[in-house]
Amino acid sequence: MDEKAIRYIEEKLQSNPHRFDHHIATVLQHQQQGTLLDIGFGGALFLRSMLQQGFDAYGIELDKQYLLYAKEVL
């Protein structure tokens, strides 16, 4: 995987692990389990959080570097 892409993902996309807390709380208000599709998941932070919450979470991402990163961290 491209080192520049890894650095961007980790410094920009993963730098704030609480970035999606509001989104996660909103989902959990309406649904505590189920299947979720994250379109354009980028650094996979939201996707990983929803997997940890017990969802069957899937993602679609067109960027090859993001896909490679997600395969490593998920």
Protein backbone atom coordinates (compact mmCIF):
# COMPACT_ATOMS: atom_id res chain seq x y z
CA MET A 1 0.00 0.00 0.00
CA ASP A 2 1.20 3.52 -0.82
CA GLU A 3 2.91 5.12 2.22
CA LYS A 4 1.51 8.54 1.31
CA ALA A 5 -2.02 7.10 1.29
CA ILE A 6 -1.49 5.39 4.66
CA ARG A 7 -0.20 8.64 6.16
CA TYR A 8 -3.21 10.57 4.82
CA ILE A 9 -5.70 8.01 6.12
CA GLU A 10 -4.12 7.82 9.56
CA GLU A 11 -3.44 11.54 9.98
CA LYS A 12 -6.60 12.95 8.41
CA LEU A 13 -9.28 10.27 8.37
CA GLN A 14 -8.38 8.38 11.56
CA SER A 15 -7.06 11.26 13.66
CA ASN A 16 -10.37 11.85 15.46
CA PRO A 17 -11.84 8.51 16.58
CA HIS A 18 -14.94 10.30 17.91
CA ARG A 19 -15.66 11.92 14.57
CA PHE A 20 -18.70 9.71 13.95
CA ASP A 21 -20.04 9.48 17.51
CA HIS A 22 -23.09 11.60 16.66
CA HIS A 23 -23.86 9.49 13.59
CA ILE A 24 -23.47 6.27 15.58
CA ALA A 25 -25.75 7.58 18.34
CA THR A 26 -28.36 8.56 15.76
CA VAL A 27 -28.33 5.10 14.19
CA LEU A 28 -28.54 3.43 17.62
CA GLN A 29 -31.58 5.54 18.54
CA HIS A 30 -33.48 3.88 15.71
CA GLN A 31 -31.82 0.50 15.29
CA GLN A 32 -29.71 -1.56 17.71
CA GLN A 33 -28.81 -4.31 15.28
CA GLY A 34 -29.14 -5.18 11.64
CA THR A 35 -27.37 -4.74 8.35
CA LEU A 36 -25.68 -1.51 7.37
CA LEU A 37 -24.11 -0.36 4.10
CA ASP A 38 -21.51 2.43 4.24
CA ILE A 39 -21.10 3.88 0.76
CA GLY A 40 -17.76 5.60 0.27
CA PHE A 41 -16.32 4.42 3.59
CA GLY A 42 -12.94 6.15 3.21
CA GLY A 43 -10.76 5.17 6.17
CA ALA A 44 -13.44 2.73 7.43
CA LEU A 45 -13.75 4.43 10.84
CA PHE A 46 -17.58 4.50 10.81
CA LEU A 47 -17.72 1.02 9.29
CA ARG A 48 -15.43 -0.38 12.00
CA SER A 49 -17.42 1.35 14.74
CA MET A 50 -20.68 -0.15 13.51
CA LEU A 51 -19.10 -3.61 13.33
CA GLN A 52 -18.02 -3.15 16.96
CA GLN A 53 -21.61 -2.22 17.83
CA GLY A 54 -22.69 -5.61 16.49
CA PHE A 55 -24.07 -4.60 13.11
CA ASP A 56 -23.56 -6.66 9.98
CA ALA A 57 -21.77 -3.77 8.32
CA TYR A 58 -20.60 -3.68 4.73
CA GLY A 59 -18.90 -0.99 2.72
CA ILE A 60 -18.44 0.16 -0.83
CA GLU A 61 -15.38 2.21 -1.72
CA LEU A 62 -14.01 3.05 -5.17
CA ASP A 63 -10.57 4.24 -4.07
CA LYS A 64 -8.12 1.35 -4.25
CA GLN A 65 -5.91 2.68 -1.44
CA TYR A 66 -8.87 2.95 0.94
CA LEU A 67 -9.91 -0.60 0.03
CA LEU A 68 -6.43 -1.91 0.79
CA TYR A 69 -6.37 -0.03 4.10
CA ALA A 70 -9.80 -1.38 5.10
CA LYS A 71 -8.69 -4.94 4.35
CA GLU A 72 -5.79 -4.44 6.76
CA VAL A 73 -7.76 -2.91 9.64
CA LEU A 74 -11.08 -4.74 9.47
